[in-house]
PDB file of N, CA and C in Angstrom:
ATOM      1  N   MET A   1       0.837  -1.178   0.000  1.00  0.00           N
ATOM      2  CA  MET A   1       0.000   0.000   0.000  1.00  0.00           C
ATOM      3  C   MET A   1       0.881   1.239   0.000  1.00  0.00           C
ATOM      4  N   LEU A   2       0.482   2.253  -0.738  1.00  0.00           N
ATOM      5  CA  LEU A   2       1.266   3.477  -0.829  1.00  0.00           C
ATOM      6  C   LEU A   2       0.927   4.406   0.317  1.00  0.00           C
ATOM      7  N   SER A   3       1.951   5.034   0.826  1.00  0.00           N
ATOM      8  CA  SER A   3       1.696   6.030   1.852  1.00  0.00           C
ATOM      9  C   SER A   3       1.520   7.387   1.183  1.00  0.00           C
ATOM     10  N   ALA A   4       0.947   8.326   1.884  1.00  0.00           N
ATOM     11  CA  ALA A   4       0.684   9.651   1.339  1.00  0.00           C
ATOM     12  C   ALA A   4       1.986  10.278   0.869  1.00  0.00           C
ATOM     13  N   GLY A   5       1.927  10.886  -0.302  1.00  0.00           N
ATOM     14  CA  GLY A   5       3.083  11.582  -0.829  1.00  0.00           C
ATOM     15  C   GLY A   5       4.015  10.717  -1.662  1.00  0.00           C
ATOM     16  N   LYS A   6       3.873   9.406  -1.611  1.00  0.00           N
ATOM     17  CA  LYS A   6       4.717   8.528  -2.409  1.00  0.00           C
ATOM     18  C   LYS A   6       4.043   8.252  -3.742  1.00  0.00           C
ATOM     19  N   THR A   7       4.851   8.152  -4.770  1.00  0.00           N
ATOM     20  CA  THR A   7       4.337   7.786  -6.076  1.00  0.00           C
ATOM     21  C   THR A   7       5.046   6.537  -6.540  1.00  0.00           C
ATOM     22  N   THR A   8       4.383   5.810  -7.364  1.00  0.00           N
ATOM     23  CA  THR A   8       4.969   4.615  -7.925  1.00  0.00           C
ATOM     24  C   THR A   8       5.162   4.851  -9.413  1.00  0.00           C
ATOM     25  N   LYS A   9       6.367   4.642  -9.889  1.00  0.00           N
ATOM     26  CA  LYS A   9       6.668   4.808 -11.299  1.00  0.00           C
ATOM     27  C   LYS A   9       6.556   3.440 -11.954  1.00  0.00           C
ATOM     28  N   VAL A  10       5.687   3.364 -12.941  1.00  0.00           N
ATOM     29  CA  VAL A  10       5.498   2.128 -13.665  1.00  0.00           C
ATOM     30  C   VAL A  10       6.032   2.358 -15.074  1.00  0.00           C
ATOM     31  N   SER A  11       6.886   1.498 -15.516  1.00  0.00           N
ATOM     32  CA  SER A  11       7.488   1.686 -16.827  1.00  0.00           C
ATOM     33  C   SER A  11       6.485   1.396 -17.933  1.00  0.00           C
ATOM     34  N   ARG A  12       6.657   2.130 -19.006  1.00  0.00           N
ATOM     35  CA  ARG A  12       5.823   1.916 -20.190  1.00  0.00           C
ATOM     36  C   ARG A  12       5.997   0.482 -20.686  1.00  0.00           C
ATOM     37  N   ARG A  13       7.202  -0.044 -20.544  1.00  0.00           N
ATOM     38  CA  ARG A  13       7.476  -1.414 -20.973  1.00  0.00           C
ATOM     39  C   ARG A  13       6.629  -2.417 -20.180  1.00  0.00           C
ATOM     40  N   ARG A  14       6.502  -2.201 -18.878  1.00  0.00           N
ATOM     41  CA  ARG A  14       5.707  -3.099 -18.040  1.00  0.00           C
ATOM     42  C   ARG A  14       4.234  -3.024 -18.419  1.00  0.00           C
ATOM     43  N   ILE A  15       3.756  -1.803 -18.635  1.00  0.00           N
ATOM     44  CA  ILE A  15       2.363  -1.639 -19.045  1.00  0.00           C
ATOM     45  C   ILE A  15       2.147  -2.308 -20.395  1.00  0.00           C
ATOM     46  N   LEU A  16       3.063  -2.090 -21.313  1.00  0.00           N
ATOM     47  CA  LEU A  16       2.953  -2.669 -22.643  1.00  0.00           C
ATOM     48  C   LEU A  16       2.956  -4.193 -22.579  1.00  0.00           C
ATOM     49  N   ALA A  17       3.790  -4.758 -21.738  1.00  0.00           N
ATOM     50  CA  ALA A  17       3.840  -6.213 -21.603  1.00  0.00           C
ATOM     51  C   ALA A  17       2.503  -6.748 -21.120  1.00  0.00           C
ATOM     52  N   THR A  18       1.914  -6.070 -20.170  1.00  0.00           N
ATOM     53  CA  THR A  18       0.601  -6.478 -19.659  1.00  0.00           C
ATOM     54  C   THR A  18      -0.447  -6.357 -20.748  1.00  0.00           C
ATOM     55  N   ALA A  19      -0.399  -5.256 -21.485  1.00  0.00           N
ATOM     56  CA  ALA A  19      -1.365  -5.041 -22.561  1.00  0.00           C
ATOM     57  C   ALA A  19      -1.205  -6.094 -23.648  1.00  0.00           C
ATOM     58  N   CYS A  20       0.023  -6.416 -23.996  1.00  0.00           N
ATOM     59  CA  CYS A  20       0.267  -7.402 -25.042  1.00  0.00           C
ATOM     60  C   CYS A  20      -0.326  -8.758 -24.691  1.00  0.00           C
ATOM     61  N   VAL A  21      -0.169  -9.148 -23.468  1.00  0.00           N
ATOM     62  CA  VAL A  21      -0.707 -10.439 -23.038  1.00  0.00           C
ATOM     63  C   VAL A  21      -2.222 -10.460 -23.235  1.00  0.00           C
ATOM     64  N   ALA A  22      -2.882  -9.416 -22.817  1.00  0.00           N
ATOM     65  CA  ALA A  22      -4.339  -9.370 -22.948  1.00  0.00           C
ATOM     66  C   ALA A  22      -4.767  -9.277 -24.401  1.00  0.00           C
ATOM     67  N   VAL A  23      -4.063  -8.484 -25.194  1.00  0.00           N
ATOM     68  CA  VAL A  23      -4.425  -8.344 -26.595  1.00  0.00           C
ATOM     69  C   VAL A  23      -4.223  -9.663 -27.322  1.00  0.00           C
ATOM     70  N   MET A  24      -3.100 -10.296 -27.081  1.00  0.00           N
ATOM     71  CA  MET A  24      -2.829 -11.559 -27.752  1.00  0.00           C
ATOM     72  C   MET A  24      -3.851 -12.623 -27.356  1.00  0.00           C
ATOM     73  N   ALA A  25      -4.249 -12.614 -26.126  1.00  0.00           N
ATOM     74  CA  ALA A  25      -5.237 -13.583 -25.666  1.00  0.00           C
ATOM     75  C   ALA A  25      -6.610 -13.273 -26.232  1.00  0.00           C
ATOM     76  N   GLY A  26      -6.847 -12.002 -26.552  1.00  0.00           N
ATOM     77  CA  GLY A  26      -8.133 -11.615 -27.104  1.00  0.00           C
ATOM     78  C   GLY A  26      -9.248 -11.598 -26.083  1.00  0.00           C
ATOM     79  N   SER A  27      -8.919 -11.859 -24.840  1.00  0.00           N
ATOM     80  CA  SER A  27      -9.957 -11.992 -23.830  1.00  0.00           C
ATOM     81  C   SER A  27     -10.584 -10.670 -23.436  1.00  0.00           C
ATOM     82  N   PHE A  28      -9.942  -9.563 -23.782  1.00  0.00           N
ATOM     83  CA  PHE A  28     -10.460  -8.281 -23.336  1.00  0.00           C
ATOM     84  C   PHE A  28     -11.638  -7.794 -24.158  1.00  0.00           C
ATOM     85  N   MET A  29     -11.861  -8.382 -25.306  1.00  0.00           N
ATOM     86  CA  MET A  29     -12.920  -7.859 -26.155  1.00  0.00           C
ATOM     87  C   MET A  29     -14.235  -8.600 -26.000  1.00  0.00           C
ATOM     88  N   PHE A  30     -14.181  -9.908 -25.946  1.00  0.00           N
ATOM     89  CA  PHE A  30     -15.420 -10.668 -26.021  1.00  0.00           C
ATOM     90  C   PHE A  30     -15.353 -11.951 -25.229  1.00  0.00           C
ATOM     91  N   ALA A  31     -16.530 -12.423 -24.893  1.00  0.00           N
ATOM     92  CA  ALA A  31     -16.624 -13.708 -24.217  1.00  0.00           C
ATOM     93  C   ALA A  31     -16.825 -14.833 -25.227  1.00  0.00           C
ATOM     94  N   THR A  32     -17.268 -14.502 -26.446  1.00  0.00           N
ATOM     95  CA  THR A  32     -17.554 -15.547 -27.423  1.00  0.00           C
ATOM     96  C   THR A  32     -16.808 -15.303 -28.731  1.00  0.00           C
ATOM     97  N   PRO A  33     -16.385 -16.384 -29.387  1.00  0.00           N
ATOM     98  CA  PRO A  33     -15.717 -16.247 -30.680  1.00  0.00           C
ATOM     99  C   PRO A  33     -16.622 -15.620 -31.739  1.00  0.00           C
ATOM    100  N   ALA A  34     -17.928 -15.839 -31.637  1.00  0.00           N
ATOM    101  CA  ALA A  34     -18.852 -15.281 -32.630  1.00  0.00           C
ATOM    102  C   ALA A  34     -18.789 -13.762 -32.650  1.00  0.00           C
ATOM    103  N   LYS A  35     -18.702 -13.145 -31.486  1.00  0.00           N
ATOM    104  CA  LYS A  35     -18.618 -11.683 -31.436  1.00  0.00           C
ATOM    105  C   LYS A  35     -17.277 -11.197 -31.964  1.00  0.00           C
ATOM    106  N   ALA A  36     -16.217 -11.942 -31.699  1.00  0.00           N
ATOM    107  CA  ALA A  36     -14.906 -11.577 -32.238  1.00  0.00           C
ATOM    108  C   ALA A  36     -14.941 -11.648 -33.757  1.00  0.00           C
ATOM    109  N   ASP A  37     -15.598 -12.676 -34.287  1.00  0.00           N
ATOM    110  CA  ASP A  37     -15.741 -12.802 -35.739  1.00  0.00           C
ATOM    111  C   ASP A  37     -16.551 -11.639 -36.302  1.00  0.00           C
ATOM    112  N   GLN A  38     -17.584 -11.240 -35.578  1.00  0.00           N
ATOM    113  CA  GLN A  38     -18.407 -10.128 -36.024  1.00  0.00           C
ATOM    114  C   GLN A  38     -17.587  -8.832 -36.067  1.00  0.00           C
ATOM    115  N   LEU A  39     -16.746  -8.614 -35.064  1.00  0.00           N
ATOM    116  CA  LEU A  39     -15.890  -7.440 -35.066  1.00  0.00           C
ATOM    117  C   LEU A  39     -14.935  -7.487 -36.257  1.00  0.00           C
ATOM    118  N   ASP A  40     -14.342  -8.639 -36.509  1.00  0.00           N
ATOM    119  CA  ASP A  40     -13.448  -8.774 -37.663  1.00  0.00           C
ATOM    120  C   ASP A  40     -14.174  -8.469 -38.967  1.00  0.00           C
ATOM    121  N   ASP A  41     -15.396  -8.971 -39.093  1.00  0.00           N
ATOM    122  CA  ASP A  41     -16.188  -8.712 -40.305  1.00  0.00           C
ATOM    123  C   ASP A  41     -16.506  -7.227 -40.450  1.00  0.00           C
ATOM    124  N   LEU A  42     -16.873  -6.582 -39.340  1.00  0.00           N
ATOM    125  CA  LEU A  42     -17.194  -5.155 -39.391  1.00  0.00           C
ATOM    126  C   LEU A  42     -15.951  -4.317 -39.693  1.00  0.00           C
ATOM    127  N   ARG A  43     -14.815  -4.716 -39.167  1.00  0.00           N
ATOM    128  CA  ARG A  43     -13.558  -4.030 -39.501  1.00  0.00           C
ATOM    129  C   ARG A  43     -13.251  -4.179 -40.993  1.00  0.00           C
ATOM    130  N   ALA A  44     -13.383  -5.420 -41.494  1.00  0.00           N
ATOM    131  CA  ALA A  44     -13.073  -5.694 -42.904  1.00  0.00           C
ATOM    132  C   ALA A  44     -13.975  -4.902 -43.848  1.00  0.00           C
ATOM    133  N   SER A  45     -15.212  -4.698 -43.441  1.00  0.00           N
ATOM    134  CA  SER A  45     -16.154  -3.951 -44.288  1.00  0.00           C
ATOM    135  C   SER A  45     -15.943  -2.446 -44.197  1.00  0.00           C
ATOM    136  N   GLY A  46     -15.187  -2.015 -43.178  1.00  0.00           N
ATOM    137  CA  GLY A  46     -14.979  -0.585 -42.966  1.00  0.00           C
ATOM    138  C   GLY A  46     -16.031   0.053 -42.074  1.00  0.00           C
ATOM    139  N   ALA A  47     -16.977  -0.742 -41.592  1.00  0.00           N
ATOM    140  CA  ALA A  47     -18.052  -0.216 -40.737  1.00  0.00           C
ATOM    141  C   ALA A  47     -17.535   0.130 -39.345  1.00  0.00           C
ATOM    142  N   VAL A  48     -16.437  -0.512 -38.934  1.00  0.00           N
ATOM    143  CA  VAL A  48     -15.825  -0.268 -37.626  1.00  0.00           C
ATOM    144  C   VAL A  48     -14.334  -0.027 -37.825  1.00  0.00           C
ATOM    145  N   GLY A  49     -13.831   0.955 -37.104  1.00  0.00           N
ATOM    146  CA  GLY A  49     -12.400   1.218 -37.089  1.00  0.00           C
ATOM    147  C   GLY A  49     -11.906   1.213 -35.655  1.00  0.00           C
ATOM    148  N   GLU A  50     -10.612   1.163 -35.504  1.00  0.00           N
ATOM    149  CA  GLU A  50      -9.992   1.245 -34.182  1.00  0.00           C
ATOM    150  C   GLU A  50      -9.416   2.639 -34.009  1.00  0.00           C
ATOM    151  N   ALA A  51      -9.160   3.023 -32.767  1.00  0.00           N
ATOM    152  CA  ALA A  51      -8.658   4.366 -32.501  1.00  0.00           C
ATOM    153  C   ALA A  51      -7.463   4.330 -31.562  1.00  0.00           C
ATOM    154  N   TYR A  52      -6.712   5.413 -31.591  1.00  0.00           N
ATOM    155  CA  TYR A  52      -5.500   5.589 -30.799  1.00  0.00           C
ATOM    156  C   TYR A  52      -5.722   5.370 -29.304  1.00  0.00           C
ATOM    157  N   ASP A  53      -6.960   5.589 -28.836  1.00  0.00           N
ATOM    158  CA  ASP A  53      -7.248   5.492 -27.408  1.00  0.00           C
ATOM    159  C   ASP A  53      -7.676   4.095 -26.967  1.00  0.00           C
ATOM    160  N   GLY A  54      -7.595   3.129 -27.888  1.00  0.00           N
ATOM    161  CA  GLY A  54      -7.921   1.749 -27.548  1.00  0.00           C
ATOM    162  C   GLY A  54      -9.390   1.407 -27.658  1.00  0.00           C
ATOM    163  N   PHE A  55     -10.180   2.322 -28.164  1.00  0.00           N
ATOM    164  CA  PHE A  55     -11.606   2.068 -28.316  1.00  0.00           C
ATOM    165  C   PHE A  55     -11.978   1.993 -29.784  1.00  0.00           C
ATOM    166  N   ALA A  56     -12.971   1.178 -30.082  1.00  0.00           N
ATOM    167  CA  ALA A  56     -13.479   1.043 -31.443  1.00  0.00           C
ATOM    168  C   ALA A  56     -14.348   2.251 -31.772  1.00  0.00           C
ATOM    169  N   ARG A  57     -14.480   2.536 -33.046  1.00  0.00           N
ATOM    170  CA  ARG A  57     -15.342   3.619 -33.511  1.00  0.00           C
ATOM    171  C   ARG A  57     -16.247   3.070 -34.606  1.00  0.00           C
ATOM    172  N   ALA A  58     -17.516   3.410 -34.534  1.00  0.00           N
ATOM    173  CA  ALA A  58     -18.463   3.042 -35.586  1.00  0.00           C
ATOM    174  C   ALA A  58     -18.273   4.011 -36.746  1.00  0.00           C
ATOM    175  N   ARG A  59     -17.943   3.476 -37.899  1.00  0.00           N
ATOM    176  CA  ARG A  59     -17.813   4.295 -39.102  1.00  0.00           C
ATOM    177  C   ARG A  59     -19.108   4.237 -39.906  1.00  0.00           C
ATOM    178  N   ALA A  60     -19.960   3.288 -39.579  1.00  0.00           N
ATOM    179  CA  ALA A  60     -21.275   3.155 -40.203  1.00  0.00           C
ATOM    180  C   ALA A  60     -22.322   3.158 -39.092  1.00  0.00           C
ATOM    181  N   LYS A  61     -23.417   3.793 -39.360  1.00  0.00           N
ATOM    182  CA  LYS A  61     -24.484   3.905 -38.364  1.00  0.00           C
ATOM    183  C   LYS A  61     -24.953   2.522 -37.884  1.00  0.00           C
ATOM    184  N   SER A  62     -24.948   1.560 -38.766  1.00  0.00           N
ATOM    185  CA  SER A  62     -25.425   0.218 -38.422  1.00  0.00           C
ATOM    186  C   SER A  62     -24.551  -0.487 -37.386  1.00  0.00           C
ATOM    187  N   ALA A  63     -23.335  -0.017 -37.194  1.00  0.00           N
ATOM    188  CA  ALA A  63     -22.399  -0.662 -36.256  1.00  0.00           C
ATOM    189  C   ALA A  63     -22.377   0.008 -34.887  1.00  0.00           C
ATOM    190  N   LYS A  64     -23.143   1.078 -34.723  1.00  0.00           N
ATOM    191  CA  LYS A  64     -23.055   1.876 -33.494  1.00  0.00           C
ATOM    192  C   LYS A  64     -23.337   1.069 -32.225  1.00  0.00           C
ATOM    193  N   GLU A  65     -24.412   0.326 -32.173  1.00  0.00           N
ATOM    194  CA  GLU A  65     -24.760  -0.447 -30.969  1.00  0.00           C
ATOM    195  C   GLU A  65     -23.715  -1.516 -30.670  1.00  0.00           C
ATOM    196  N   PHE A  66     -23.208  -2.147 -31.706  1.00  0.00           N
ATOM    197  CA  PHE A  66     -22.179  -3.158 -31.519  1.00  0.00           C
ATOM    198  C   PHE A  66     -20.923  -2.541 -30.912  1.00  0.00           C
ATOM    199  N   VAL A  67     -20.522  -1.395 -31.414  1.00  0.00           N
ATOM    200  CA  VAL A  67     -19.329  -0.710 -30.913  1.00  0.00           C
ATOM    201  C   VAL A  67     -19.515  -0.281 -29.459  1.00  0.00           C
ATOM    202  N   ILE A  68     -20.701   0.143 -29.101  1.00  0.00           N
ATOM    203  CA  ILE A  68     -20.974   0.501 -27.703  1.00  0.00           C
ATOM    204  C   ILE A  68     -20.715  -0.704 -26.798  1.00  0.00           C
ATOM    205  N   ALA A  69     -21.168  -1.875 -27.207  1.00  0.00           N
ATOM    206  CA  ALA A  69     -20.961  -3.097 -26.412  1.00  0.00           C
ATOM    207  C   ALA A  69     -19.480  -3.459 -26.329  1.00  0.00           C
ATOM    208  N   VAL A  70     -18.769  -3.353 -27.450  1.00  0.00           N
ATOM    209  CA  VAL A  70     -17.336  -3.650 -27.472  1.00  0.00           C
ATOM    210  C   VAL A  70     -16.599  -2.721 -26.515  1.00  0.00           C
ATOM    211  N   ASN A  71     -16.881  -1.437 -26.636  1.00  0.00           N
ATOM    212  CA  ASN A  71     -16.171  -0.454 -25.820  1.00  0.00           C
ATOM    213  C   ASN A  71     -16.499  -0.559 -24.340  1.00  0.00           C
ATOM    214  N   SER A  72     -17.687  -0.999 -24.024  1.00  0.00           N
ATOM    215  CA  SER A  72     -18.046  -1.207 -22.618  1.00  0.00           C
ATOM    216  C   SER A  72     -17.144  -2.282 -21.998  1.00  0.00           C
ATOM    217  N   LYS A  73     -16.939  -3.364 -22.724  1.00  0.00           N
ATOM    218  CA  LYS A  73     -16.065  -4.440 -22.238  1.00  0.00           C
ATOM    219  C   LYS A  73     -14.616  -3.967 -22.154  1.00  0.00           C
ATOM    220  N   ARG A  74     -14.186  -3.231 -23.155  1.00  0.00           N
ATOM    221  CA  ARG A  74     -12.819  -2.722 -23.144  1.00  0.00           C
ATOM    222  C   ARG A  74     -12.613  -1.760 -21.973  1.00  0.00           C
ATOM    223  N   ARG A  75     -13.567  -0.873 -21.762  1.00  0.00           N
ATOM    224  CA  ARG A  75     -13.446   0.108 -20.678  1.00  0.00           C
ATOM    225  C   ARG A  75     -13.260  -0.597 -19.334  1.00  0.00           C
ATOM    226  N   LYS A  76     -14.029  -1.652 -19.100  1.00  0.00           N
ATOM    227  CA  LYS A  76     -13.899  -2.408 -17.850  1.00  0.00           C
ATOM    228  C   LYS A  76     -12.489  -2.986 -17.706  1.00  0.00           C
ATOM    229  N   LEU A  77     -11.964  -3.535 -18.782  1.00  0.00           N
ATOM    230  CA  LEU A  77     -10.623  -4.090 -18.738  1.00  0.00           C
ATOM    231  C   LEU A  77      -9.598  -2.996 -18.496  1.00  0.00           C
ATOM    232  N   TYR A  78      -9.725  -1.871 -19.178  1.00  0.00           N
ATOM    233  CA  TYR A  78      -8.760  -0.782 -19.029  1.00  0.00           C
ATOM    234  C   TYR A  78      -8.756  -0.240 -17.604  1.00  0.00           C
ATOM    235  N   ILE A  79      -9.925  -0.142 -17.006  1.00  0.00           N
ATOM    236  CA  ILE A  79     -10.007   0.320 -15.614  1.00  0.00           C
ATOM    237  C   ILE A  79      -9.286  -0.665 -14.698  1.00  0.00           C
ATOM    238  N   GLN A  80      -9.528  -1.941 -14.913  1.00  0.00           N
ATOM    239  CA  GLN A  80      -8.867  -2.970 -14.102  1.00  0.00           C
ATOM    240  C   GLN A  80      -7.351  -2.894 -14.263  1.00  0.00           C
ATOM    241  N   ARG A  81      -6.882  -2.812 -15.498  1.00  0.00           N
ATOM    242  CA  ARG A  81      -5.439  -2.746 -15.753  1.00  0.00           C
ATOM    243  C   ARG A  81      -4.829  -1.471 -15.164  1.00  0.00           C
ATOM    244  N   ALA A  82      -5.542  -0.368 -15.268  1.00  0.00           N
ATOM    245  CA  ALA A  82      -5.038   0.903 -14.732  1.00  0.00           C
ATOM    246  C   ALA A  82      -4.862   0.811 -13.224  1.00  0.00           C
ATOM    247  N   ARG A  83      -5.814   0.193 -12.554  1.00  0.00           N
ATOM    248  CA  ARG A  83      -5.692   0.016 -11.102  1.00  0.00           C
ATOM    249  C   ARG A  83      -4.507  -0.864 -10.752  1.00  0.00           C
ATOM    250  N   GLU A  84      -4.353  -1.966 -11.497  1.00  0.00           N
ATOM    251  CA  GLU A  84      -3.243  -2.885 -11.235  1.00  0.00           C
ATOM    252  C   GLU A  84      -1.894  -2.215 -11.448  1.00  0.00           C
ATOM    253  N   GLN A  85      -1.792  -1.415 -12.491  1.00  0.00           N
ATOM    254  CA  GLN A  85      -0.518  -0.783 -12.852  1.00  0.00           C
ATOM    255  C   GLN A  85      -0.318   0.582 -12.192  1.00  0.00           C
ATOM    256  N   LYS A  86      -1.378   1.080 -11.545  1.00  0.00           N
ATOM    257  CA  LYS A  86      -1.333   2.397 -10.888  1.00  0.00           C
ATOM    258  C   LYS A  86      -1.007   3.521 -11.883  1.00  0.00           C
ATOM    259  N   VAL A  87      -1.705   3.465 -13.017  1.00  0.00           N
ATOM    260  CA  VAL A  87      -1.588   4.484 -14.048  1.00  0.00           C
ATOM    261  C   VAL A  87      -3.000   4.888 -14.465  1.00  0.00           C
ATOM    262  N   SER A  88      -3.096   5.855 -15.360  1.00  0.00           N
ATOM    263  CA  SER A  88      -4.411   6.314 -15.797  1.00  0.00           C
ATOM    264  C   SER A  88      -5.035   5.351 -16.808  1.00  0.00           C
ATOM    265  N   VAL A  89      -6.337   5.388 -16.867  1.00  0.00           N
ATOM    266  CA  VAL A  89      -7.079   4.593 -17.843  1.00  0.00           C
ATOM    267  C   VAL A  89      -6.671   5.018 -19.258  1.00  0.00           C
ATOM    268  N   GLU A  90      -6.430   6.306 -19.434  1.00  0.00           N
ATOM    269  CA  GLU A  90      -6.030   6.821 -20.745  1.00  0.00           C
ATOM    270  C   GLU A  90      -4.704   6.216 -21.204  1.00  0.00           C
ATOM    271  N   GLN A  91      -3.752   6.077 -20.267  1.00  0.00           N
ATOM    272  CA  GLN A  91      -2.468   5.471 -20.614  1.00  0.00           C
ATOM    273  C   GLN A  91      -2.661   4.031 -21.076  1.00  0.00           C
ATOM    274  N   ILE A  92      -3.471   3.306 -20.356  1.00  0.00           N
ATOM    275  CA  ILE A  92      -3.737   1.916 -20.725  1.00  0.00           C
ATOM    276  C   ILE A  92      -4.399   1.873 -22.096  1.00  0.00           C
ATOM    277  N   GLY A  93      -5.401   2.705 -22.312  1.00  0.00           N
ATOM    278  CA  GLY A  93      -6.098   2.733 -23.595  1.00  0.00           C
ATOM    279  C   GLY A  93      -5.172   3.022 -24.756  1.00  0.00           C
ATOM    280  N   GLU A  94      -4.259   3.964 -24.568  1.00  0.00           N
ATOM    281  CA  GLU A  94      -3.338   4.298 -25.655  1.00  0.00           C
ATOM    282  C   GLU A  94      -2.378   3.155 -25.960  1.00  0.00           C
ATOM    283  N   ILE A  95      -1.975   2.427 -24.950  1.00  0.00           N
ATOM    284  CA  ILE A  95      -1.105   1.274 -25.184  1.00  0.00           C
ATOM    285  C   ILE A  95      -1.873   0.184 -25.934  1.00  0.00           C
ATOM    286  N   TYR A  96      -3.112  -0.055 -25.528  1.00  0.00           N
ATOM    287  CA  TYR A  96      -3.930  -1.014 -26.261  1.00  0.00           C
ATOM    288  C   TYR A  96      -4.165  -0.523 -27.683  1.00  0.00           C
ATOM    289  N   GLY A  97      -4.356   0.785 -27.852  1.00  0.00           N
ATOM    290  CA  GLY A  97      -4.543   1.346 -29.189  1.00  0.00           C
ATOM    291  C   GLY A  97      -3.370   1.037 -30.096  1.00  0.00           C
ATOM    292  N   GLU A  98      -2.151   1.150 -29.569  1.00  0.00           N
ATOM    293  CA  GLU A  98      -0.953   0.817 -30.344  1.00  0.00           C
ATOM    294  C   GLU A  98      -0.983  -0.650 -30.768  1.00  0.00           C
ATOM    295  N   GLN A  99      -1.356  -1.524 -29.841  1.00  0.00           N
ATOM    296  CA  GLN A  99      -1.402  -2.947 -30.145  1.00  0.00           C
ATOM    297  C   GLN A  99      -2.514  -3.261 -31.151  1.00  0.00           C
ATOM    298  N   LEU A 100      -3.652  -2.612 -30.993  1.00  0.00           N
ATOM    299  CA  LEU A 100      -4.745  -2.835 -31.940  1.00  0.00           C
ATOM    300  C   LEU A 100      -4.337  -2.408 -33.342  1.00  0.00           C
ATOM    301  N   TYR A 101      -3.609  -1.300 -33.452  1.00  0.00           N
ATOM    302  CA  TYR A 101      -3.138  -0.860 -34.764  1.00  0.00           C
ATOM    303  C   TYR A 101      -2.209  -1.905 -35.374  1.00  0.00           C
ATOM    304  N   LYS A 102      -1.302  -2.430 -34.585  1.00  0.00           N
ATOM    305  CA  LYS A 102      -0.365  -3.427 -35.091  1.00  0.00           C
ATOM    306  C   LYS A 102      -1.088  -4.676 -35.589  1.00  0.00           C
ATOM    307  N   ARG A 103      -2.172  -5.036 -34.920  1.00  0.00           N
ATOM    308  CA  ARG A 103      -2.923  -6.247 -35.279  1.00  0.00           C
ATOM    309  C   ARG A 103      -3.985  -5.998 -36.339  1.00  0.00           C
ATOM    310  N   LEU A 104      -4.231  -4.741 -36.653  1.00  0.00           N
ATOM    311  CA  LEU A 104      -5.259  -4.392 -37.631  1.00  0.00           C
ATOM    312  C   LEU A 104      -4.865  -4.952 -39.002  1.00  0.00           C
ATOM    313  N   PRO A 105      -5.770  -5.672 -39.650  1.00  0.00           N
ATOM    314  CA  PRO A 105      -5.422  -6.226 -40.958  1.00  0.00           C
ATOM    315  C   PRO A 105      -5.307  -5.118 -42.017  1.00  0.00           C
ATOM    316  N   ASP A 106      -4.601  -5.427 -43.081  1.00  0.00           N
ATOM    317  CA  ASP A 106      -4.498  -4.478 -44.184  1.00  0.00           C
ATOM    318  C   ASP A 106      -5.897  -4.078 -44.646  1.00  0.00           C
ATOM    319  N   GLY A 107      -6.062  -2.794 -44.882  1.00  0.00           N
ATOM    320  CA  GLY A 107      -7.361  -2.277 -45.301  1.00  0.00           C
ATOM    321  C   GLY A 107      -8.206  -1.776 -44.140  1.00  0.00           C
ATOM    322  N   GLY A 108      -7.804  -2.128 -42.895  1.00  0.00           N
ATOM    323  CA  GLY A 108      -8.545  -1.685 -41.720  1.00  0.00           C
ATOM    324  C   GLY A 108      -8.351  -0.192 -41.479  1.00  0.00           C
ATOM    325  N   TRP A 109      -9.307   0.410 -40.800  1.00  0.00           N
ATOM    326  CA  TRP A 109      -9.285   1.846 -40.531  1.00  0.00           C
ATOM    327  C   TRP A 109      -8.846   2.120 -39.103  1.00  0.00           C
ATOM    328  N   PHE A 110      -8.052   3.196 -38.958  1.00  0.00           N
ATOM    329  CA  PHE A 110      -7.534   3.588 -37.645  1.00  0.00           C
ATOM    330  C   PHE A 110      -7.644   5.094 -37.509  1.00  0.00           C
ATOM    331  N   LEU A 111      -8.182   5.533 -36.373  1.00  0.00           N
ATOM    332  CA  LEU A 111      -8.324   6.956 -36.081  1.00  0.00           C
ATOM    333  C   LEU A 111      -7.115   7.418 -35.290  1.00  0.00           C
ATOM    334  N   ASN A 112      -6.314   8.303 -35.889  1.00  0.00           N
ATOM    335  CA  ASN A 112      -5.133   8.858 -35.213  1.00  0.00           C
ATOM    336  C   ASN A 112      -5.542   9.846 -34.136  1.00  0.00           C
ATOM    337  N   LYS A 113      -4.589  10.172 -33.297  1.00  0.00           N
ATOM    338  CA  LYS A 113      -4.815  11.129 -32.212  1.00  0.00           C
ATOM    339  C   LYS A 113      -5.216  12.513 -32.752  1.00  0.00           C
ATOM    340  N   ASP A 114      -4.760  12.845 -33.953  1.00  0.00           N
ATOM    341  CA  ASP A 114      -5.091  14.137 -34.541  1.00  0.00           C
ATOM    342  C   ASP A 114      -6.487  14.173 -35.170  1.00  0.00           C
ATOM    343  N   GLY A 115      -7.211  13.046 -35.079  1.00  0.00           N
ATOM    344  CA  GLY A 115      -8.593  13.006 -35.566  1.00  0.00           C
ATOM    345  C   GLY A 115      -8.752  12.585 -37.015  1.00  0.00           C
ATOM    346  N   ASN A 116      -7.670  12.155 -37.639  1.00  0.00           N
ATOM    347  CA  ASN A 116      -7.731  11.724 -39.039  1.00  0.00           C
ATOM    348  C   ASN A 116      -7.768  10.209 -39.142  1.00  0.00           C
ATOM    349  N   TRP A 117      -8.626   9.712 -40.010  1.00  0.00           N
ATOM    350  CA  TRP A 117      -8.688   8.290 -40.290  1.00  0.00           C
ATOM    351  C   TRP A 117      -7.601   7.923 -41.286  1.00  0.00           C
ATOM    352  N   ILE A 118      -6.914   6.820 -41.027  1.00  0.00           N
ATOM    353  CA  ILE A 118      -5.970   6.282 -41.999  1.00  0.00           C
ATOM    354  C   ILE A 118      -6.365   4.835 -42.276  1.00  0.00           C
ATOM    355  N   GLN A 119      -6.073   4.394 -43.479  1.00  0.00           N
ATOM    356  CA  GLN A 119      -6.345   3.014 -43.815  1.00  0.00           C
ATOM    357  C   GLN A 119      -5.025   2.272 -43.890  1.00  0.00           C
ATOM    358  N   LYS A 120      -4.950   1.196 -43.159  1.00  0.00           N
ATOM    359  CA  LYS A 120      -3.693   0.439 -43.074  1.00  0.00           C
ATOM    360  C   LYS A 120      -3.507  -0.386 -44.342  1.00  0.00           C
TER     361      LYS A 120
END
């Protein structure tokens, strides 16, 4: 337990290692393979993109409800990881965002921090 006035420095490498394990396992997004397949299909169609902050974005109106469900699960995981690592939820999200970009298939859409969509 931390005493008042003390801070804990957590390395970006440690956070990244934790994020990589979860991303590779795929457990942070869905409980069922069918939903993971649906996300892959929506990404491939361009209806869903990923963003720098680790959250999905609906690029088509038809994907909005699905993206809300995806992001709800991700948010819960990011909060848990942030508590474990003693860092902000935003830091965790950005690390996951980097990993999601790396795993994004060719043709997938990614929203940069500057607000511009790029196609991988």
